[in-house]
Amino acid sequence: MCTFSAERQLRIGINSNQALKIAEVVLNLMAIFNSMLLTKRYIGFILITIGIIPIALNAQSLKTVSVEGEAQTRIENNETREQAKERAEELAKLDAIQKEFGSYVEQNTDIHVEDGKVNYNILAGTKMKADWIRTTHIKFSYPDQPADKTKEKIIWVKCTIEGEAREIASRANIETFALRCPQKECKASDFDNKQSLYLYFKSPVDGYLSVFLDEGEITRRLLPYDQMDNQSAVKVKGDTEYIFFEKPKGTYESVNADELELYTTKPYEYNTLYVVFSEQPFVKPILENSLTTDNNYIIPKNLPSTDFQEWMSNCRAASAAFQDKKLMIRINKK
């Protein structure tokens, strides 16, 4: 479960229509002030009510709704069945959101970046007007398709999905990507066995950051660093470039960074980096302790991937400021 501080929730922004409604309430309250002598008890009640109004209006405008969609895609020769299923799932989510909320396109004039914030999310390469909060039901099937003229066997995967989505709120436009070396120019998605992994991150605003690596059945937490114990996230400053997992110099204050080394026993495998960021503090999921191997390697703290996804869903539902960015990386054994 993910929780957010009540103090920070009071800072949620309001739009012009909401401001007019609040102004109307305030004017009415001022009339009451002029017509009667209020005790401290009544004054306190009025101030609390004024503070609650923006939150109630914001919550109402960001109502979570049930959605459903479907999509199918062919399994390409250069991808695994699991990769094709994940792609079909993303397209099905896209279909569900488009049916309920519509979608943006690059030429739309209502896409804007203001004070480092955006009012869209990217799903399956498309800018969306809503966030996918959680999946409540999902089904995959492999429909028969007629062979093409070359008689090449083509396998299709179809995804039918049901879930919950919420209209997007303005959020920080973060920049992040994986690196082969501790320099911004080393951006990469393909890595060799036993190669180091670094992460570049920059946000327009102050906030809280955590990083996870999903290996399929197990998800490992990479940031905060292992020596930070039970800290839920690291604080980052706006307009500041960070390179994480760099050692010994490091770029995150004076903390000694964990140096990451990627490893696989397969010819190649795909992992997913989840970069989690919020302007509000959030509480980490329950984790298993890190382990030290016989050759002095440390295996990071972890949890089942299903539990991780449930934690993410709870975080999205708890705060519109919570966001996660997926970075797919490939590790080649060679």
Protein backbone atom coordinates (compact mmCIF):
# COMPACT_ATOMS: atom_id res chain seq x y z
CA MET A 1 0.00 0.00 0.00
CA CYS A 2 1.25 3.46 -0.83
CA THR A 3 0.48 6.48 1.33
CA PHE A 4 1.11 10.19 0.84
CA SER A 5 1.52 12.96 3.39
CA ALA A 6 -1.64 14.91 4.05
CA GLU A 7 0.35 18.15 4.22
CA ARG A 8 1.53 17.78 0.63
CA GLN A 9 -1.89 16.77 -0.61
CA LEU A 10 -3.11 20.20 0.43
CA ARG A 11 -0.85 21.70 -2.21
CA ILE A 12 -2.68 20.20 -5.21
CA GLY A 13 -3.28 22.86 -7.87
CA ILE A 14 -6.74 24.04 -8.96
CA ASN A 15 -7.99 25.29 -12.31
CA SER A 16 -9.77 28.57 -13.04
CA ASN A 17 -13.29 27.14 -12.75
CA GLN A 18 -12.47 25.69 -9.35
CA ALA A 19 -10.96 29.01 -8.31
CA LEU A 20 -14.20 30.81 -9.18
CA LYS A 21 -16.20 28.36 -7.10
CA ILE A 22 -13.86 28.84 -4.15
CA ALA A 23 -14.00 32.61 -4.53
CA GLU A 24 -17.80 32.42 -4.41
CA VAL A 25 -17.65 30.41 -1.19
CA VAL A 26 -15.16 32.86 0.33
CA LEU A 27 -17.39 35.84 -0.51
CA ASN A 28 -20.33 34.12 1.17
CA LEU A 29 -18.20 33.47 4.25
CA MET A 30 -17.13 37.13 4.33
CA ALA A 31 -20.80 38.09 4.37
CA ILE A 32 -21.27 35.84 7.38
CA PHE A 33 -18.32 37.56 9.09
CA ASN A 34 -20.01 40.92 8.56
CA SER A 35 -23.39 39.77 9.86
CA MET A 36 -22.36 37.99 13.04
CA LEU A 37 -19.64 37.81 15.65
CA LEU A 38 -17.88 34.47 15.27
CA THR A 39 -16.21 32.49 17.99
CA LYS A 40 -12.81 30.89 17.49
CA ARG A 41 -14.56 27.53 17.05
CA TYR A 42 -16.59 28.77 14.07
CA ILE A 43 -13.60 30.56 12.53
CA GLY A 44 -11.56 27.35 12.73
CA PHE A 45 -14.34 25.38 11.08
CA ILE A 46 -14.57 27.87 8.19
CA LEU A 47 -10.81 27.83 7.57
CA ILE A 48 -10.76 24.02 7.52
CA THR A 49 -13.67 23.99 5.07
CA ILE A 50 -11.88 26.39 2.71
CA GLY A 51 -8.79 24.15 2.82
CA ILE A 52 -10.80 21.04 1.94
CA ILE A 53 -12.60 22.57 -1.07
CA PRO A 54 -9.63 22.40 -3.54
CA ILE A 55 -9.00 18.75 -2.63
CA ALA A 56 -12.63 17.76 -3.08
CA LEU A 57 -12.90 19.56 -6.44
CA ASN A 58 -9.64 18.05 -7.65
CA ALA A 59 -10.66 14.54 -6.61
CA GLN A 60 -13.97 14.95 -8.40
CA SER A 61 -12.29 16.06 -11.65
CA LEU A 62 -9.91 13.06 -11.56
CA LYS A 63 -12.49 10.33 -11.11
CA THR A 64 -11.34 6.76 -11.77
CA VAL A 65 -13.51 4.88 -14.29
CA SER A 66 -13.76 1.26 -15.46
CA VAL A 67 -12.54 0.67 -19.02
CA GLU A 68 -12.07 -2.28 -21.36
CA GLY A 69 -10.28 -2.83 -24.63
CA GLU A 70 -8.66 -5.37 -26.92
CA ALA A 71 -5.87 -5.60 -29.46
CA GLN A 72 -3.93 -8.21 -31.39
CA THR A 73 -0.49 -8.23 -32.92
CA ARG A 74 1.71 -10.71 -34.74
CA ILE A 75 4.67 -12.29 -33.01
CA GLU A 76 7.71 -11.08 -34.92
CA ASN A 77 10.69 -13.31 -35.67
CA ASN A 78 13.03 -11.21 -33.54
CA GLU A 79 10.92 -11.24 -30.35
CA THR A 80 9.78 -13.78 -27.79
CA ARG A 81 6.17 -14.72 -27.15
CA GLU A 82 6.33 -12.89 -23.80
CA GLN A 83 7.46 -9.69 -25.52
CA ALA A 84 4.60 -9.95 -28.02
CA LYS A 85 2.13 -10.48 -25.15
CA GLU A 86 3.43 -7.39 -23.38
CA ARG A 87 3.09 -5.38 -26.61
CA ALA A 88 -0.47 -6.66 -27.14
CA GLU A 89 -1.31 -5.73 -23.54
CA GLU A 90 -0.04 -2.16 -24.05
CA LEU A 91 -2.10 -1.84 -27.24
CA ALA A 92 -5.21 -3.18 -25.46
CA LYS A 93 -4.75 -0.60 -22.69
CA LEU A 94 -4.36 2.04 -25.37
CA ASP A 95 -7.63 0.90 -27.00
CA ALA A 96 -9.47 1.00 -23.66
CA ILE A 97 -8.24 4.51 -22.82
CA GLN A 98 -8.94 5.85 -26.30
CA LYS A 99 -12.55 4.60 -26.13
CA GLU A 100 -13.17 6.43 -22.85
CA PHE A 101 -10.93 9.50 -23.02
CA GLY A 102 -9.66 9.86 -26.58
CA SER A 103 -5.96 10.41 -27.33
CA TYR A 104 -3.54 13.13 -28.31
CA VAL A 105 -1.58 13.34 -31.54
CA GLU A 106 1.61 15.27 -32.15
CA GLN A 107 -0.17 18.09 -34.00
CA ASN A 108 -2.69 18.81 -31.23
CA THR A 109 -2.36 22.32 -29.86
CA ASP A 110 -3.67 21.32 -26.41
CA ILE A 111 -0.49 19.38 -25.61
CA HIS A 112 1.58 21.75 -23.54
CA VAL A 113 4.61 21.91 -21.28
CA GLU A 114 4.33 24.61 -18.64
CA ASP A 115 6.72 25.08 -15.73
CA GLY A 116 8.28 21.71 -16.62
CA LYS A 117 4.95 19.84 -16.43
CA VAL A 118 2.94 17.94 -19.04
CA ASN A 119 -0.71 16.93 -19.28
CA TYR A 120 -0.29 13.63 -21.07
CA ASN A 121 1.12 10.13 -20.61
CA ILE A 122 2.85 7.98 -23.24
CA LEU A 123 1.42 4.49 -23.80
CA ALA A 124 2.38 2.23 -26.71
CA GLY A 125 4.07 5.25 -28.33
CA THR A 126 0.92 7.39 -28.18
CA LYS A 127 0.32 10.43 -25.99
CA MET A 128 -2.69 9.66 -23.84
CA LYS A 129 -5.18 11.74 -21.87
CA ALA A 130 -5.44 9.20 -19.04
CA ASP A 131 -3.37 7.03 -16.70
CA TRP A 132 -3.84 3.28 -16.47
CA ILE A 133 -4.37 2.69 -12.75
CA ARG A 134 -4.78 -1.09 -12.46
CA THR A 135 -5.73 -4.22 -14.41
CA THR A 136 -8.75 -6.13 -13.07
CA HIS A 137 -8.95 -8.85 -15.75
CA ILE A 138 -6.73 -9.89 -18.65
CA LYS A 139 -6.91 -12.73 -21.18
CA PHE A 140 -4.56 -13.78 -23.99
CA SER A 141 -5.47 -15.94 -26.97
CA TYR A 142 -3.80 -16.99 -30.21
CA PRO A 143 -6.32 -16.67 -33.05
CA ASP A 144 -5.77 -18.60 -36.27
CA GLN A 145 -4.80 -16.45 -39.23
CA PRO A 146 -4.56 -17.45 -42.90
CA ALA A 147 -0.99 -17.89 -44.14
CA ASP A 148 0.42 -15.16 -46.37
CA LYS A 149 1.47 -15.66 -50.00
CA THR A 150 4.89 -16.95 -48.94
CA LYS A 151 3.15 -19.62 -46.83
CA GLU A 152 5.12 -18.39 -43.85
CA LYS A 153 3.53 -19.40 -40.58
CA ILE A 154 2.38 -16.31 -38.73
CA ILE A 155 1.41 -16.45 -35.06
CA TRP A 156 -0.84 -13.75 -33.63
CA VAL A 157 -1.52 -12.92 -30.00
CA LYS A 158 -4.72 -11.22 -28.88
CA CYS A 159 -5.22 -9.43 -25.56
CA THR A 160 -8.58 -8.61 -23.99
CA ILE A 161 -8.29 -6.38 -20.92
CA GLU A 162 -10.42 -4.72 -18.26
CA GLY A 163 -9.18 -2.21 -15.74
CA GLU A 164 -9.37 1.24 -14.18
CA ALA A 165 -8.10 4.50 -15.67
CA ARG A 166 -8.10 8.14 -14.60
CA GLU A 167 -7.89 11.37 -16.55
CA ILE A 168 -4.33 12.64 -16.55
CA ALA A 169 -3.28 15.39 -14.16
CA SER A 170 -0.48 17.86 -14.84
CA ARG A 171 2.78 16.25 -13.79
CA ALA A 172 6.53 16.66 -13.92
CA ASN A 173 8.07 16.01 -17.34
CA ILE A 174 10.99 13.83 -16.24
CA GLU A 175 13.94 12.78 -18.38
CA THR A 176 15.59 9.43 -17.68
CA PHE A 177 17.42 6.66 -19.55
CA ALA A 178 19.88 3.80 -19.02
CA LEU A 179 23.63 4.30 -19.56
CA ARG A 180 26.58 2.04 -20.39
CA CYS A 181 29.04 4.45 -18.75
CA PRO A 182 28.62 7.27 -16.21
CA GLN A 183 28.17 9.93 -18.87
CA LYS A 184 24.99 11.25 -20.48
CA GLU A 185 26.34 10.41 -23.95
CA CYS A 186 26.40 6.67 -23.09
CA LYS A 187 22.62 6.20 -23.46
CA ALA A 188 21.85 2.56 -24.27
CA SER A 189 19.27 -0.23 -24.13
CA ASP A 190 21.54 -3.17 -25.10
CA PHE A 191 24.15 -4.43 -22.63
CA ASP A 192 26.71 -7.22 -22.58
CA ASN A 193 27.02 -9.78 -19.82
CA LYS A 194 28.82 -8.41 -16.75
CA GLN A 195 28.58 -4.85 -18.08
CA SER A 196 27.88 -1.99 -15.68
CA LEU A 197 24.54 -0.19 -15.63
CA TYR A 198 24.05 3.50 -14.82
CA LEU A 199 20.96 5.70 -14.87
CA TYR A 200 20.52 9.30 -15.95
CA PHE A 201 17.71 11.30 -14.32
CA LYS A 202 16.50 14.91 -14.39
CA SER A 203 13.26 16.50 -13.21
CA PRO A 204 11.97 20.08 -13.47
CA VAL A 205 10.83 20.00 -9.83
CA ASP A 206 11.97 18.64 -6.47
CA GLY A 207 10.66 15.20 -5.65
CA TYR A 208 11.22 11.61 -4.55
CA LEU A 209 12.78 8.89 -6.69
CA SER A 210 13.05 5.11 -6.58
CA VAL A 211 14.26 2.58 -9.18
CA PHE A 212 13.30 -1.08 -9.63
CA LEU A 213 14.43 -3.83 -12.04
CA ASP A 214 11.77 -6.35 -13.07
CA GLU A 215 13.26 -9.68 -14.12
CA GLY A 216 9.93 -11.36 -14.85
CA GLU A 217 8.92 -13.14 -11.64
CA ILE A 218 11.12 -11.13 -9.27
CA THR A 219 11.50 -7.35 -9.04
CA ARG A 220 14.61 -5.94 -7.39
CA ARG A 221 14.94 -2.47 -5.87
CA LEU A 222 18.06 -0.67 -7.08
CA LEU A 223 17.45 2.76 -5.56
CA PRO A 224 17.59 3.82 -2.71
CA TYR A 225 20.99 2.19 -2.38
CA ASP A 226 21.37 -0.91 -0.22
CA GLN A 227 23.07 0.94 2.64
CA MET A 228 20.09 3.32 2.90
CA ASP A 229 18.24 0.50 4.68
CA ASN A 230 14.48 1.11 4.82
CA GLN A 231 14.42 4.54 3.20
CA SER A 232 11.49 4.62 0.76
CA ALA A 233 12.97 6.99 -1.83
CA VAL A 234 15.79 9.44 -2.40
CA LYS A 235 15.17 13.18 -2.57
CA VAL A 236 16.13 14.85 -5.83
CA LYS A 237 16.30 18.53 -6.71
CA GLY A 238 14.66 20.14 -9.72
CA ASP A 239 16.76 21.11 -12.77
CA THR A 240 19.65 18.96 -11.50
CA GLU A 241 21.28 16.19 -13.52
CA TYR A 242 21.90 12.91 -11.68
CA ILE A 243 23.83 9.83 -12.70
CA PHE A 244 23.08 6.97 -10.34
CA PHE A 245 25.11 3.82 -9.63
CA GLU A 246 28.38 5.65 -10.30
CA LYS A 247 31.22 4.70 -8.02
CA PRO A 248 33.28 5.91 -6.24
CA LYS A 249 32.66 9.58 -7.12
CA GLY A 250 28.87 9.42 -7.31
CA THR A 251 26.51 12.28 -8.06
CA TYR A 252 23.98 11.81 -5.29
CA GLU A 253 25.27 13.79 -2.32
CA SER A 254 27.93 11.95 -0.31
CA VAL A 255 26.37 8.49 -0.33
CA ASN A 256 28.54 5.65 -1.62
CA ALA A 257 26.64 4.32 -4.62
CA ASP A 258 25.98 0.66 -5.35
CA GLU A 259 27.80 -0.37 -8.51
CA LEU A 260 25.52 -2.48 -10.71
CA GLU A 261 26.67 -5.31 -12.95
CA LEU A 262 24.23 -7.01 -15.32
CA TYR A 263 24.32 -10.79 -15.65
CA THR A 264 22.49 -13.54 -17.52
CA THR A 265 22.92 -17.29 -18.08
CA LYS A 266 20.72 -17.21 -21.21
CA PRO A 267 21.84 -16.26 -24.74
CA TYR A 268 19.97 -13.00 -24.07
CA GLU A 269 17.16 -11.75 -21.85
CA TYR A 270 15.01 -8.66 -21.43
CA ASN A 271 14.53 -6.82 -18.14
CA THR A 272 12.44 -3.74 -17.38
CA LEU A 273 13.68 -0.76 -15.38
CA TYR A 274 10.90 1.11 -13.56
CA VAL A 275 11.85 4.69 -12.68
CA VAL A 276 9.35 5.84 -10.05
CA PHE A 277 8.97 9.55 -9.27
CA SER A 278 6.56 11.73 -7.31
CA GLU A 279 6.49 15.27 -5.98
CA GLN A 280 4.91 13.78 -2.86
CA PRO A 281 6.67 11.28 -0.58
CA PHE A 282 5.53 7.67 -0.93
CA VAL A 283 6.03 4.51 1.11
CA LYS A 284 8.03 1.64 -0.38
CA PRO A 285 6.63 -1.89 -0.73
CA ILE A 286 7.60 -4.72 1.63
CA LEU A 287 10.99 -6.10 0.52
CA GLU A 288 13.08 -9.18 1.16
CA ASN A 289 16.55 -8.33 2.47
CA SER A 290 19.56 -8.20 0.18
CA LEU A 291 21.93 -11.20 0.08
CA THR A 292 25.70 -11.46 -0.22
CA THR A 293 27.01 -14.25 -2.46
CA ASP A 294 30.16 -16.33 -1.92
CA ASN A 295 32.12 -14.10 -4.32
CA ASN A 296 31.03 -10.97 -2.40
CA TYR A 297 28.38 -9.80 -4.86
CA ILE A 298 25.26 -8.28 -3.30
CA ILE A 299 21.86 -9.31 -4.66
CA PRO A 300 19.52 -6.31 -4.13
CA LYS A 301 16.36 -6.32 -2.04
CA ASN A 302 13.42 -7.80 -3.89
CA LEU A 303 9.72 -8.73 -3.94
CA PRO A 304 7.50 -10.83 -6.25
CA SER A 305 6.69 -8.97 -9.47
CA THR A 306 2.95 -9.45 -8.88
CA ASP A 307 3.28 -7.70 -5.50
CA PHE A 308 5.30 -4.92 -7.12
CA GLN A 309 2.62 -4.30 -9.74
CA GLU A 310 -0.07 -4.21 -7.03
CA TRP A 311 1.99 -1.68 -5.07
CA MET A 312 2.32 0.46 -8.20
CA SER A 313 -1.45 0.32 -8.77
CA ASN A 314 -2.10 1.43 -5.19
CA CYS A 315 0.37 4.29 -5.58
CA ARG A 316 -1.26 5.49 -8.81
CA ALA A 317 -4.68 5.35 -7.17
CA ALA A 318 -3.45 7.25 -4.10
CA SER A 319 -1.91 10.20 -5.92
CA ALA A 320 -2.11 11.72 -9.40
CA ALA A 321 1.46 13.00 -8.86
CA PHE A 322 2.85 9.45 -8.79
CA GLN A 323 4.35 8.31 -12.09
CA ASP A 324 6.54 5.52 -13.38
CA LYS A 325 8.60 5.29 -16.55
CA LYS A 326 9.45 1.91 -18.09
CA LEU A 327 12.88 1.38 -19.68
CA MET A 328 13.37 -1.94 -21.49
CA ILE A 329 16.94 -3.25 -21.53
CA ARG A 330 18.45 -6.32 -23.21
CA ILE A 331 21.34 -8.31 -21.72
CA ASN A 332 23.42 -10.40 -24.16
CA LYS A 333 25.50 -13.31 -22.88
CA LYS A 334 27.87 -13.51 -25.89
